[in-house]
Amino acid sequence: MQSLISKDTYWGEFDEDKMDHLLFLYKTEKFEEGREYIDKALKRTDFIFGKARSDFLYAVSLNKESVCLDIGCGLGVHTFNMAPLVKEVHSCDLSKKRVQFCEYRKTESKQENVFLYHSDIGHLNFKENTFDFIVMNGVVEWLGEQHIYLDPRMDQIETLKKVRSLLKPGGVLYIGIENRYALTYLHNAKDHNRLKYTTFMPRFLADWVTRQKLGKPYRTYTYSKWGYEKLLQDAGFNISLAKFYVAHPGYNMPQYLIDVDDIGSFKFFFSMILSGKRFLSHFRWIYENTVFIKIARYFFYSYAIFAKK
């Protein structure tokens, strides 16, 4: 592991003391005990080791000559799912302990083509046109927290410009991210600031509410499909080459990836998830209706986006 930044703030899917215990088990190469702890105590086996979490890889042409970058690699699920398929995977995260866990995973898996960095994007020392494929899973929405620019969107755009420069011509950027206008936000889901409904608000109002409730500005911007298209276009990507998929039930645990432009796939999807529900079977005429599908596809929880250089 190379440590390229001094700042280190732990965050993760479980408390830091549990992370410390997990690191102790892995540091002493008690890998079986570590796996049991992940499974029984943390209940995160699928989240950390699940192959299905990286199903988006099947939508990309990777081979043994591919060089990849996993930005915000977390506990390494995508890094170690990619590694057997490609030549090299370079992975970074802002949390040193998460990168350290990935270092121990590297030892456990003997995956020597994985290279790890405790770093943000700005401190990665790679030349332009280095990577065939870059993963930003659950990352873009947090780029505004860098506070380099007054406008969080500019933080996102400038970082995406750098990411684009790291791609080879024809290289692909994958983004897994929430849909700003997902209907679940009207029910029980919270925005990234852990408040309800701010995702639907105009930015100035969301900022005012966040400052009043939390004492800090609103900077975790998500967008609609059209908003992501504009964001990528402003970062220099050719949006005509981009592909958008609905990731259901979410980009972190996708069971379905549905091409946003494929109405037939949505009809099949609705028939699958609603089959066996006798009450809803009376309303087949609604979810098989093309007009309904054309509208509904823009209100799912999250997107899997592939942007090509």
Foldseek 3Di string as FASTA:
>chain_A
DAEQDDDADDDDPDDPVLLVVLLVCLVVPVVVVSLVCCCPVVVCNCLQANLLLQPCCVVDDAAADFEEEEEQCFQPRNVVSCLVGYNAYEYEHCHPSSQSNVVSVCVVVVSVRYHYYNDHLVRDDDAFQAGQEYEDEPNLLCQLVVVPDPALLVSSLVSLLSVNRNHHAFHKYKYKWWELQAPCLVPDDPDPLRHGPLSVDDQVVSQVVCCVPPVGGDRRHDYFPVVVLVSNVSSPFDSVPKWKWQFPPGSSNGPDTHTLPDLVVQLVVVCVVCPPVVVCVVVNVQSNDSVNSNVVSRRHTIMIMMTTD
